[in-house]
Amino acid sequence: LLAISTELRYVDNEEMYTYVMLGGSSEFAATTYLQSNAYGNKDILYSMMKALGREKVPVNLDFKVFEDKTLDLTTAEATRWTIVYTLVLPAIFAAAGVVVFIRRRHL
């Protein structure tokens, strides 16, 4: 399955087209299908790339990180947080459970 979508918007009274190509599988562009004349994938893919590539885009665009979600933890901090979440917090909840159990038992 391969589809192409076009959207037309007017920005400052100028037509601006946006193209999106959607492929259901990367097998559409496999060498076997592109080299075979029985399927016609080469012609379809070429036409889609031609439609998508109408606007000139500079090749030397700088890469910019949109969002950085890296963790800045040392091994010691990671070990400390692991101990807190696996031992300390369950111990606090277990102690609270024991206190509630004993109070209800003796009331």
PDB file of N, CA and C in Angstrom:
ATOM      1  N   LEU A   1       0.849  -1.173   0.000  1.00  0.00           N
ATOM      2  CA  LEU A   1       0.000   0.000   0.000  1.00  0.00           C
ATOM      3  C   LEU A   1       0.887   1.226   0.000  1.00  0.00           C
ATOM      4  N   LEU A   2       0.626   2.130  -0.892  1.00  0.00           N
ATOM      5  CA  LEU A   2       1.383   3.366  -0.994  1.00  0.00           C
ATOM      6  C   LEU A   2       0.408   4.468  -1.338  1.00  0.00           C
ATOM      7  N   ALA A   3       0.484   5.586  -0.635  1.00  0.00           N
ATOM      8  CA  ALA A   3      -0.448   6.689  -0.880  1.00  0.00           C
ATOM      9  C   ALA A   3       0.300   8.002  -0.810  1.00  0.00           C
ATOM     10  N   ILE A   4      -0.240   8.996  -1.480  1.00  0.00           N
ATOM     11  CA  ILE A   4       0.307  10.343  -1.421  1.00  0.00           C
ATOM     12  C   ILE A   4      -0.847  11.291  -1.136  1.00  0.00           C
ATOM     13  N   SER A   5      -0.578  12.277  -0.302  1.00  0.00           N
ATOM     14  CA  SER A   5      -1.595  13.246   0.069  1.00  0.00           C
ATOM     15  C   SER A   5      -1.055  14.641  -0.192  1.00  0.00           C
ATOM     16  N   THR A   6      -1.929  15.526  -0.625  1.00  0.00           N
ATOM     17  CA  THR A   6      -1.558  16.899  -0.913  1.00  0.00           C
ATOM     18  C   THR A   6      -2.482  17.827  -0.149  1.00  0.00           C
ATOM     19  N   GLU A   7      -1.906  18.863   0.441  1.00  0.00           N
ATOM     20  CA  GLU A   7      -2.702  19.867   1.123  1.00  0.00           C
ATOM     21  C   GLU A   7      -2.329  21.227   0.551  1.00  0.00           C
ATOM     22  N   LEU A   8      -3.333  22.041   0.286  1.00  0.00           N
ATOM     23  CA  LEU A   8      -3.125  23.371  -0.256  1.00  0.00           C
ATOM     24  C   LEU A   8      -3.529  24.390   0.794  1.00  0.00           C
ATOM     25  N   ARG A   9      -2.618  25.301   1.102  1.00  0.00           N
ATOM     26  CA  ARG A   9      -2.904  26.400   2.020  1.00  0.00           C
ATOM     27  C   ARG A   9      -2.488  27.699   1.345  1.00  0.00           C
ATOM     28  N   TYR A  10      -3.171  28.746   1.717  1.00  0.00           N
ATOM     29  CA  TYR A  10      -2.807  30.060   1.214  1.00  0.00           C
ATOM     30  C   TYR A  10      -2.120  30.841   2.329  1.00  0.00           C
ATOM     31  N   VAL A  11      -0.880  31.227   2.088  1.00  0.00           N
ATOM     32  CA  VAL A  11      -0.108  32.020   3.041  1.00  0.00           C
ATOM     33  C   VAL A  11       0.260  33.314   2.332  1.00  0.00           C
ATOM     34  N   ASP A  12      -0.250  34.423   2.851  1.00  0.00           N
ATOM     35  CA  ASP A  12      -0.033  35.735   2.227  1.00  0.00           C
ATOM     36  C   ASP A  12      -0.438  35.723   0.756  1.00  0.00           C
ATOM     37  N   ASN A  13      -1.602  35.158   0.496  1.00  0.00           N
ATOM     38  CA  ASN A  13      -2.170  35.047  -0.851  1.00  0.00           C
ATOM     39  C   ASN A  13      -1.289  34.269  -1.825  1.00  0.00           C
ATOM     40  N   GLU A  14      -0.452  33.400  -1.323  1.00  0.00           N
ATOM     41  CA  GLU A  14       0.356  32.522  -2.167  1.00  0.00           C
ATOM     42  C   GLU A  14      -0.010  31.076  -1.869  1.00  0.00           C
ATOM     43  N   GLU A  15      -0.089  30.276  -2.920  1.00  0.00           N
ATOM     44  CA  GLU A  15      -0.405  28.868  -2.745  1.00  0.00           C
ATOM     45  C   GLU A  15       0.797  28.133  -2.169  1.00  0.00           C
ATOM     46  N   MET A  16       0.583  27.404  -1.089  1.00  0.00           N
ATOM     47  CA  MET A  16       1.624  26.594  -0.471  1.00  0.00           C
ATOM     48  C   MET A  16       1.120  25.159  -0.413  1.00  0.00           C
ATOM     49  N   TYR A  17       1.829  24.266  -1.101  1.00  0.00           N
ATOM     50  CA  TYR A  17       1.451  22.860  -1.134  1.00  0.00           C
ATOM     51  C   TYR A  17       2.295  22.073  -0.136  1.00  0.00           C
ATOM     52  N   THR A  18       1.660  21.128   0.519  1.00  0.00           N
ATOM     53  CA  THR A  18       2.333  20.216   1.417  1.00  0.00           C
ATOM     54  C   THR A  18       2.040  18.799   0.935  1.00  0.00           C
ATOM     55  N   TYR A  19       3.083  18.000   0.819  1.00  0.00           N
ATOM     56  CA  TYR A  19       2.941  16.635   0.334  1.00  0.00           C
ATOM     57  C   TYR A  19       3.374  15.656   1.420  1.00  0.00           C
ATOM     58  N   VAL A  20       2.633  14.562   1.520  1.00  0.00           N
ATOM     59  CA  VAL A  20       2.980  13.493   2.446  1.00  0.00           C
ATOM     60  C   VAL A  20       2.871  12.175   1.694  1.00  0.00           C
ATOM     61  N   MET A  21       3.918  11.374   1.780  1.00  0.00           N
ATOM     62  CA  MET A  21       3.892  10.048   1.168  1.00  0.00           C
ATOM     63  C   MET A  21       3.847   9.012   2.280  1.00  0.00           C
ATOM     64  N   LEU A  22       2.978   8.049   2.145  1.00  0.00           N
ATOM     65  CA  LEU A  22       2.778   7.034   3.162  1.00  0.00           C
ATOM     66  C   LEU A  22       2.969   5.665   2.538  1.00  0.00           C
ATOM     67  N   GLY A  23       3.831   4.874   3.147  1.00  0.00           N
ATOM     68  CA  GLY A  23       4.061   3.516   2.672  1.00  0.00           C
ATOM     69  C   GLY A  23       3.732   2.519   3.755  1.00  0.00           C
ATOM     70  N   GLY A  24       2.994   1.497   3.407  1.00  0.00           N
ATOM     71  CA  GLY A  24       2.616   0.480   4.379  1.00  0.00           C
ATOM     72  C   GLY A  24       3.729  -0.514   4.652  1.00  0.00           C
ATOM     73  N   SER A  25       4.711  -0.574   3.752  1.00  0.00           N
ATOM     74  CA  SER A  25       5.799  -1.523   3.901  1.00  0.00           C
ATOM     75  C   SER A  25       7.003  -1.017   3.117  1.00  0.00           C
ATOM     76  N   SER A  26       8.168  -1.343   3.597  1.00  0.00           N
ATOM     77  CA  SER A  26       9.381  -0.964   2.867  1.00  0.00           C
ATOM     78  C   SER A  26       9.632  -1.914   1.700  1.00  0.00           C
ATOM     79  N   GLU A  27       8.882  -2.995   1.621  1.00  0.00           N
ATOM     80  CA  GLU A  27       9.032  -3.955   0.531  1.00  0.00           C
ATOM     81  C   GLU A  27       8.656  -3.354  -0.816  1.00  0.00           C
ATOM     82  N   PHE A  28       7.894  -2.273  -0.803  1.00  0.00           N
ATOM     83  CA  PHE A  28       7.505  -1.625  -2.056  1.00  0.00           C
ATOM     84  C   PHE A  28       8.735  -1.153  -2.818  1.00  0.00           C
ATOM     85  N   ALA A  29       9.771  -0.736  -2.086  1.00  0.00           N
ATOM     86  CA  ALA A  29      10.995  -0.232  -2.709  1.00  0.00           C
ATOM     87  C   ALA A  29      12.106  -1.275  -2.725  1.00  0.00           C
ATOM     88  N   ALA A  30      11.770  -2.541  -2.533  1.00  0.00           N
ATOM     89  CA  ALA A  30      12.777  -3.595  -2.579  1.00  0.00           C
ATOM     90  C   ALA A  30      13.319  -3.724  -3.996  1.00  0.00           C
ATOM     91  N   THR A  31      14.560  -4.130  -4.092  1.00  0.00           N
ATOM     92  CA  THR A  31      15.235  -4.231  -5.393  1.00  0.00           C
ATOM     93  C   THR A  31      14.498  -5.170  -6.342  1.00  0.00           C
ATOM     94  N   THR A  32      13.962  -6.255  -5.838  1.00  0.00           N
ATOM     95  CA  THR A  32      13.246  -7.229  -6.673  1.00  0.00           C
ATOM     96  C   THR A  32      12.059  -6.582  -7.371  1.00  0.00           C
ATOM     97  N   TYR A  33      11.296  -5.789  -6.638  1.00  0.00           N
ATOM     98  CA  TYR A  33      10.103  -5.168  -7.203  1.00  0.00           C
ATOM     99  C   TYR A  33      10.440  -3.968  -8.085  1.00  0.00           C
ATOM    100  N   LEU A  34      11.514  -3.261  -7.758  1.00  0.00           N
ATOM    101  CA  LEU A  34      11.892  -2.101  -8.569  1.00  0.00           C
ATOM    102  C   LEU A  34      12.480  -2.508  -9.917  1.00  0.00           C
ATOM    103  N   GLN A  35      13.169  -3.630  -9.965  1.00  0.00           N
ATOM    104  CA  GLN A  35      13.795  -4.067 -11.209  1.00  0.00           C
ATOM    105  C   GLN A  35      12.851  -4.862 -12.103  1.00  0.00           C
ATOM    106  N   SER A  36      11.726  -5.289 -11.578  1.00  0.00           N
ATOM    107  CA  SER A  36      10.776  -6.071 -12.360  1.00  0.00           C
ATOM    108  C   SER A  36       9.823  -5.134 -13.108  1.00  0.00           C
ATOM    109  N   ASN A  37       9.535  -5.457 -14.360  1.00  0.00           N
ATOM    110  CA  ASN A  37       8.587  -4.665 -15.147  1.00  0.00           C
ATOM    111  C   ASN A  37       7.144  -5.093 -14.903  1.00  0.00           C
ATOM    112  N   ALA A  38       6.946  -6.196 -14.203  1.00  0.00           N
ATOM    113  CA  ALA A  38       5.597  -6.715 -13.986  1.00  0.00           C
ATOM    114  C   ALA A  38       4.815  -5.887 -12.970  1.00  0.00           C
ATOM    115  N   TYR A  39       5.484  -5.281 -12.027  1.00  0.00           N
ATOM    116  CA  TYR A  39       4.795  -4.572 -10.943  1.00  0.00           C
ATOM    117  C   TYR A  39       4.634  -3.082 -11.217  1.00  0.00           C
ATOM    118  N   GLY A  40       5.592  -2.443 -11.822  1.00  0.00           N
ATOM    119  CA  GLY A  40       5.509  -1.007 -12.082  1.00  0.00           C
ATOM    120  C   GLY A  40       5.829  -0.160 -10.871  1.00  0.00           C
ATOM    121  N   ASN A  41       6.442  -0.747  -9.842  1.00  0.00           N
ATOM    122  CA  ASN A  41       6.772   0.009  -8.646  1.00  0.00           C
ATOM    123  C   ASN A  41       7.768   1.130  -8.929  1.00  0.00           C
ATOM    124  N   LYS A  42       8.666   0.890  -9.874  1.00  0.00           N
ATOM    125  CA  LYS A  42       9.679   1.893 -10.198  1.00  0.00           C
ATOM    126  C   LYS A  42       9.005   3.153 -10.740  1.00  0.00           C
ATOM    127  N   ASP A  43       8.036   2.993 -11.631  1.00  0.00           N
ATOM    128  CA  ASP A  43       7.358   4.148 -12.210  1.00  0.00           C
ATOM    129  C   ASP A  43       6.514   4.885 -11.180  1.00  0.00           C
ATOM    130  N   ILE A  44       5.832   4.131 -10.327  1.00  0.00           N
ATOM    131  CA  ILE A  44       5.004   4.748  -9.290  1.00  0.00           C
ATOM    132  C   ILE A  44       5.873   5.512  -8.301  1.00  0.00           C
ATOM    133  N   LEU A  45       6.956   4.903  -7.856  1.00  0.00           N
ATOM    134  CA  LEU A  45       7.851   5.547  -6.897  1.00  0.00           C
ATOM    135  C   LEU A  45       8.513   6.776  -7.516  1.00  0.00           C
ATOM    136  N   TYR A  46       8.900   6.677  -8.770  1.00  0.00           N
ATOM    137  CA  TYR A  46       9.506   7.818  -9.451  1.00  0.00           C
ATOM    138  C   TYR A  46       8.513   8.979  -9.557  1.00  0.00           C
ATOM    139  N   SER A  47       7.268   8.694  -9.888  1.00  0.00           N
ATOM    140  CA  SER A  47       6.249   9.744  -9.998  1.00  0.00           C
ATOM    141  C   SER A  47       5.985  10.403  -8.658  1.00  0.00           C
ATOM    142  N   MET A  48       5.958   9.597  -7.595  1.00  0.00           N
ATOM    143  CA  MET A  48       5.724  10.164  -6.270  1.00  0.00           C
ATOM    144  C   MET A  48       6.890  11.036  -5.827  1.00  0.00           C
ATOM    145  N   MET A  49       8.095  10.575  -6.062  1.00  0.00           N
ATOM    146  CA  MET A  49       9.261  11.379  -5.687  1.00  0.00           C
ATOM    147  C   MET A  49       9.313  12.676  -6.504  1.00  0.00           C
ATOM    148  N   LYS A  50       8.880  12.601  -7.739  1.00  0.00           N
ATOM    149  CA  LYS A  50       8.847  13.794  -8.577  1.00  0.00           C
ATOM    150  C   LYS A  50       7.825  14.792  -8.027  1.00  0.00           C
ATOM    151  N   ALA A  51       6.670  14.295  -7.573  1.00  0.00           N
ATOM    152  CA  ALA A  51       5.649  15.173  -6.997  1.00  0.00           C
ATOM    153  C   ALA A  51       6.122  15.762  -5.670  1.00  0.00           C
ATOM    154  N   LEU A  52       6.810  14.966  -4.872  1.00  0.00           N
ATOM    155  CA  LEU A  52       7.282  15.449  -3.575  1.00  0.00           C
ATOM    156  C   LEU A  52       8.454  16.413  -3.712  1.00  0.00           C
ATOM    157  N   GLY A  53       9.235  16.272  -4.764  1.00  0.00           N
ATOM    158  CA  GLY A  53      10.461  17.038  -4.873  1.00  0.00           C
ATOM    159  C   GLY A  53      10.352  18.277  -5.722  1.00  0.00           C
ATOM    160  N   ARG A  54       9.230  18.948  -5.731  1.00  0.00           N
ATOM    161  CA  ARG A  54       9.068  20.141  -6.551  1.00  0.00           C
ATOM    162  C   ARG A  54       9.722  21.365  -5.943  1.00  0.00           C
ATOM    163  N   GLU A  55       9.815  21.423  -4.646  1.00  0.00           N
ATOM    164  CA  GLU A  55      10.378  22.608  -4.003  1.00  0.00           C
ATOM    165  C   GLU A  55      11.860  22.424  -3.787  1.00  0.00           C
ATOM    166  N   LYS A  56      12.594  23.480  -3.982  1.00  0.00           N
ATOM    167  CA  LYS A  56      14.046  23.445  -3.796  1.00  0.00           C
ATOM    168  C   LYS A  56      14.356  23.595  -2.312  1.00  0.00           C
ATOM    169  N   VAL A  57      15.159  22.693  -1.797  1.00  0.00           N
ATOM    170  CA  VAL A  57      15.571  22.719  -0.392  1.00  0.00           C
ATOM    171  C   VAL A  57      17.094  22.712  -0.368  1.00  0.00           C
ATOM    172  N   PRO A  58      17.701  23.624   0.370  1.00  0.00           N
ATOM    173  CA  PRO A  58      19.171  23.626   0.435  1.00  0.00           C
ATOM    174  C   PRO A  58      19.695  22.327   1.038  1.00  0.00           C
ATOM    175  N   VAL A  59      20.768  21.816   0.489  1.00  0.00           N
ATOM    176  CA  VAL A  59      21.315  20.542   0.933  1.00  0.00           C
ATOM    177  C   VAL A  59      22.045  20.678   2.258  1.00  0.00           C
ATOM    178  N   ASN A  60      22.665  21.802   2.511  1.00  0.00           N
ATOM    179  CA  ASN A  60      23.508  21.951   3.707  1.00  0.00           C
ATOM    180  C   ASN A  60      22.742  22.554   4.881  1.00  0.00           C
ATOM    181  N   LEU A  61      21.607  21.978   5.225  1.00  0.00           N
ATOM    182  CA  LEU A  61      20.863  22.428   6.391  1.00  0.00           C
ATOM    183  C   LEU A  61      21.533  21.923   7.662  1.00  0.00           C
ATOM    184  N   ASP A  62      21.607  22.773   8.654  1.00  0.00           N
ATOM    185  CA  ASP A  62      22.183  22.372   9.934  1.00  0.00           C
ATOM    186  C   ASP A  62      21.170  21.560  10.724  1.00  0.00           C
ATOM    187  N   PHE A  63      21.659  20.517  11.402  1.00  0.00           N
ATOM    188  CA  PHE A  63      20.818  19.675  12.241  1.00  0.00           C
ATOM    189  C   PHE A  63      20.572  20.386  13.560  1.00  0.00           C
ATOM    190  N   LYS A  64      19.320  20.463  13.969  1.00  0.00           N
ATOM    191  CA  LYS A  64      18.964  21.083  15.243  1.00  0.00           C
ATOM    192  C   LYS A  64      18.129  20.095  16.044  1.00  0.00           C
ATOM    193  N   VAL A  65      18.466  19.923  17.287  1.00  0.00           N
ATOM    194  CA  VAL A  65      17.746  19.003  18.159  1.00  0.00           C
ATOM    195  C   VAL A  65      16.447  19.678  18.580  1.00  0.00           C
ATOM    196  N   PHE A  66      15.332  19.003  18.327  1.00  0.00           N
ATOM    197  CA  PHE A  66      14.028  19.548  18.704  1.00  0.00           C
ATOM    198  C   PHE A  66      13.818  19.467  20.206  1.00  0.00           C
ATOM    199  N   GLU A  67      14.152  18.330  20.782  1.00  0.00           N
ATOM    200  CA  GLU A  67      13.966  18.139  22.215  1.00  0.00           C
ATOM    201  C   GLU A  67      15.002  17.146  22.699  1.00  0.00           C
ATOM    202  N   ASP A  68      15.609  17.444  23.825  1.00  0.00           N
ATOM    203  CA  ASP A  68      16.651  16.581  24.370  1.00  0.00           C
ATOM    204  C   ASP A  68      16.143  15.966  25.665  1.00  0.00           C
ATOM    205  N   LYS A  69      16.005  14.644  25.687  1.00  0.00           N
ATOM    206  CA  LYS A  69      15.493  13.960  26.878  1.00  0.00           C
ATOM    207  C   LYS A  69      16.527  13.003  27.464  1.00  0.00           C
ATOM    208  N   THR A  70      17.791  13.346  27.336  1.00  0.00           N
ATOM    209  CA  THR A  70      18.816  12.470  27.885  1.00  0.00           C
ATOM    210  C   THR A  70      18.865  12.614  29.400  1.00  0.00           C
ATOM    211  N   LEU A  71      19.227  11.541  30.058  1.00  0.00           N
ATOM    212  CA  LEU A  71      19.360  11.544  31.509  1.00  0.00           C
ATOM    213  C   LEU A  71      20.807  11.834  31.877  1.00  0.00           C
ATOM    214  N   ASP A  72      20.981  12.744  32.796  1.00  0.00           N
ATOM    215  CA  ASP A  72      22.321  13.068  33.271  1.00  0.00           C
ATOM    216  C   ASP A  72      22.506  12.486  34.668  1.00  0.00           C
ATOM    217  N   LEU A  73      22.674  11.177  34.729  1.00  0.00           N
ATOM    218  CA  LEU A  73      22.851  10.475  35.997  1.00  0.00           C
ATOM    219  C   LEU A  73      24.192   9.771  36.010  1.00  0.00           C
ATOM    220  N   THR A  74      24.825   9.824  37.162  1.00  0.00           N
ATOM    221  CA  THR A  74      26.027   9.021  37.327  1.00  0.00           C
ATOM    222  C   THR A  74      25.608   7.623  37.771  1.00  0.00           C
ATOM    223  N   THR A  75      26.528   6.699  37.766  1.00  0.00           N
ATOM    224  CA  THR A  75      26.220   5.336  38.196  1.00  0.00           C
ATOM    225  C   THR A  75      25.842   5.308  39.675  1.00  0.00           C
ATOM    226  N   ALA A  76      26.494   6.128  40.467  1.00  0.00           N
ATOM    227  CA  ALA A  76      26.185   6.182  41.908  1.00  0.00           C
ATOM    228  C   ALA A  76      24.762   6.697  42.136  1.00  0.00           C
ATOM    229  N   GLU A  77      24.362   7.735  41.387  1.00  0.00           N
ATOM    230  CA  GLU A  77      23.006   8.257  41.539  1.00  0.00           C
ATOM    231  C   GLU A  77      21.968   7.232  41.076  1.00  0.00           C
ATOM    232  N   ALA A  78      22.257   6.544  40.000  1.00  0.00           N
ATOM    233  CA  ALA A  78      21.329   5.524  39.513  1.00  0.00           C
ATOM    234  C   ALA A  78      21.182   4.397  40.534  1.00  0.00           C
ATOM    235  N   THR A  79      22.295   3.996  41.144  1.00  0.00           N
ATOM    236  CA  THR A  79      22.243   2.952  42.177  1.00  0.00           C
ATOM    237  C   THR A  79      21.438   3.431  43.382  1.00  0.00           C
ATOM    238  N   ARG A  80      21.651   4.668  43.780  1.00  0.00           N
ATOM    239  CA  ARG A  80      20.933   5.235  44.927  1.00  0.00           C
ATOM    240  C   ARG A  80      19.427   5.253  44.659  1.00  0.00           C
ATOM    241  N   TRP A  81      19.003   5.718  43.480  1.00  0.00           N
ATOM    242  CA  TRP A  81      17.580   5.756  43.162  1.00  0.00           C
ATOM    243  C   TRP A  81      16.981   4.359  43.038  1.00  0.00           C
ATOM    244  N   THR A  82      17.754   3.416  42.575  1.00  0.00           N
ATOM    245  CA  THR A  82      17.283   2.035  42.496  1.00  0.00           C
ATOM    246  C   THR A  82      17.007   1.488  43.882  1.00  0.00           C
ATOM    247  N   ILE A  83      17.895   1.758  44.814  1.00  0.00           N
ATOM    248  CA  ILE A  83      17.700   1.303  46.204  1.00  0.00           C
ATOM    249  C   ILE A  83      16.485   1.969  46.816  1.00  0.00           C
ATOM    250  N   VAL A  84      16.325   3.270  46.575  1.00  0.00           N
ATOM    251  CA  VAL A  84      15.182   3.989  47.139  1.00  0.00           C
ATOM    252  C   VAL A  84      13.874   3.393  46.626  1.00  0.00           C
ATOM    253  N   TYR A  85      13.777   3.175  45.323  1.00  0.00           N
ATOM    254  CA  TYR A  85      12.518   2.696  44.763  1.00  0.00           C
ATOM    255  C   TYR A  85      12.255   1.212  44.992  1.00  0.00           C
ATOM    256  N   THR A  86      13.286   0.420  45.211  1.00  0.00           N
ATOM    257  CA  THR A  86      13.054  -1.013  45.398  1.00  0.00           C
ATOM    258  C   THR A  86      13.061  -1.450  46.853  1.00  0.00           C
ATOM    259  N   LEU A  87      13.708  -0.687  47.735  1.00  0.00           N
ATOM    260  CA  LEU A  87      13.776  -1.093  49.133  1.00  0.00           C
ATOM    261  C   LEU A  87      13.106  -0.109  50.089  1.00  0.00           C
ATOM    262  N   VAL A  88      13.441   1.159  49.994  1.00  0.00           N
ATOM    263  CA  VAL A  88      12.971   2.136  50.981  1.00  0.00           C
ATOM    264  C   VAL A  88      11.466   2.368  50.859  1.00  0.00           C
ATOM    265  N   LEU A  89      10.974   2.677  49.677  1.00  0.00           N
ATOM    266  CA  LEU A  89       9.537   2.933  49.524  1.00  0.00           C
ATOM    267  C   LEU A  89       8.677   1.721  49.881  1.00  0.00           C
ATOM    268  N   PRO A  90       9.005   0.519  49.420  1.00  0.00           N
ATOM    269  CA  PRO A  90       8.208  -0.632  49.865  1.00  0.00           C
ATOM    270  C   PRO A  90       8.285  -0.854  51.379  1.00  0.00           C
ATOM    271  N   ALA A  91       9.436  -0.568  51.994  1.00  0.00           N
ATOM    272  CA  ALA A  91       9.555  -0.720  53.450  1.00  0.00           C
ATOM    273  C   ALA A  91       8.647   0.268  54.172  1.00  0.00           C
ATOM    274  N   ILE A  92       8.555   1.492  53.659  1.00  0.00           N
ATOM    275  CA  ILE A  92       7.665   2.492  54.279  1.00  0.00           C
ATOM    276  C   ILE A  92       6.215   2.042  54.188  1.00  0.00           C
ATOM    277  N   PHE A  93       5.794   1.553  53.017  1.00  0.00           N
ATOM    278  CA  PHE A  93       4.415   1.095  52.869  1.00  0.00           C
ATOM    279  C   PHE A  93       4.147  -0.163  53.690  1.00  0.00           C
ATOM    280  N   ALA A  94       5.119  -1.041  53.808  1.00  0.00           N
ATOM    281  CA  ALA A  94       4.948  -2.237  54.636  1.00  0.00           C
ATOM    282  C   ALA A  94       4.818  -1.857  56.105  1.00  0.00           C
ATOM    283  N   ALA A  95       5.617  -0.909  56.560  1.00  0.00           N
ATOM    284  CA  ALA A  95       5.536  -0.458  57.961  1.00  0.00           C
ATOM    285  C   ALA A  95       4.177   0.187  58.235  1.00  0.00           C
ATOM    286  N   ALA A  96       3.704   1.001  57.292  1.00  0.00           N
ATOM    287  CA  ALA A  96       2.383   1.622  57.474  1.00  0.00           C
ATOM    288  C   ALA A  96       1.303   0.544  57.506  1.00  0.00           C
ATOM    289  N   GLY A  97       1.433  -0.480  56.694  1.00  0.00           N
ATOM    290  CA  GLY A  97       0.462  -1.569  56.702  1.00  0.00           C
ATOM    291  C   GLY A  97       0.475  -2.336  58.014  1.00  0.00           C
ATOM    292  N   VAL A  98       1.663  -2.569  58.554  1.00  0.00           N
ATOM    293  CA  VAL A  98       1.769  -3.275  59.842  1.00  0.00           C
ATOM    294  C   VAL A  98       1.142  -2.440  60.948  1.00  0.00           C
ATOM    295  N   VAL A  99       1.389  -1.131  60.948  1.00  0.00           N
ATOM    296  CA  VAL A  99       0.809  -0.245  61.978  1.00  0.00           C
ATOM    297  C   VAL A  99      -0.708  -0.275  61.894  1.00  0.00           C
ATOM    298  N   VAL A 100      -1.262  -0.179  60.701  1.00  0.00           N
ATOM    299  CA  VAL A 100      -2.719  -0.204  60.546  1.00  0.00           C
ATOM    300  C   VAL A 100      -3.267  -1.565  60.971  1.00  0.00           C
ATOM    301  N   PHE A 101      -2.589  -2.646  60.614  1.00  0.00           N
ATOM    302  CA  PHE A 101      -3.038  -3.979  60.986  1.00  0.00           C
ATOM    303  C   PHE A 101      -3.062  -4.146  62.511  1.00  0.00           C
ATOM    304  N   ILE A 102      -1.989  -3.701  63.170  1.00  0.00           N
ATOM    305  CA  ILE A 102      -1.920  -3.842  64.639  1.00  0.00           C
ATOM    306  C   ILE A 102      -2.968  -2.989  65.314  1.00  0.00           C
ATOM    307  N   ARG A 103      -3.192  -1.752  64.868  1.00  0.00           N
ATOM    308  CA  ARG A 103      -4.197  -0.885  65.489  1.00  0.00           C
ATOM    309  C   ARG A 103      -5.606  -1.460  65.336  1.00  0.00           C
ATOM    310  N   ARG A 104      -5.902  -2.004  64.191  1.00  0.00           N
ATOM    311  CA  ARG A 104      -7.240  -2.566  63.979  1.00  0.00           C
ATOM    312  C   ARG A 104      -7.416  -3.873  64.758  1.00  0.00           C
ATOM    313  N   ARG A 105      -6.348  -4.573  64.937  1.00  0.00           N
ATOM    314  CA  ARG A 105      -6.399  -5.850  65.645  1.00  0.00           C
ATOM    315  C   ARG A 105      -6.670  -5.645  67.128  1.00  0.00           C
ATOM    316  N   HIS A 106      -6.127  -4.578  67.694  1.00  0.00           N
ATOM    317  CA  HIS A 106      -6.218  -4.355  69.129  1.00  0.00           C
ATOM    318  C   HIS A 106      -7.299  -3.346  69.502  1.00  0.00           C
ATOM    319  N   LEU A 107      -8.118  -2.886  68.585  1.00  0.00           N
ATOM    320  CA  LEU A 107      -9.179  -1.950  68.939  1.00  0.00           C
ATOM    321  C   LEU A 107     -10.445  -2.632  69.258  1.00  0.00           C
TER     322      LEU A 107
END
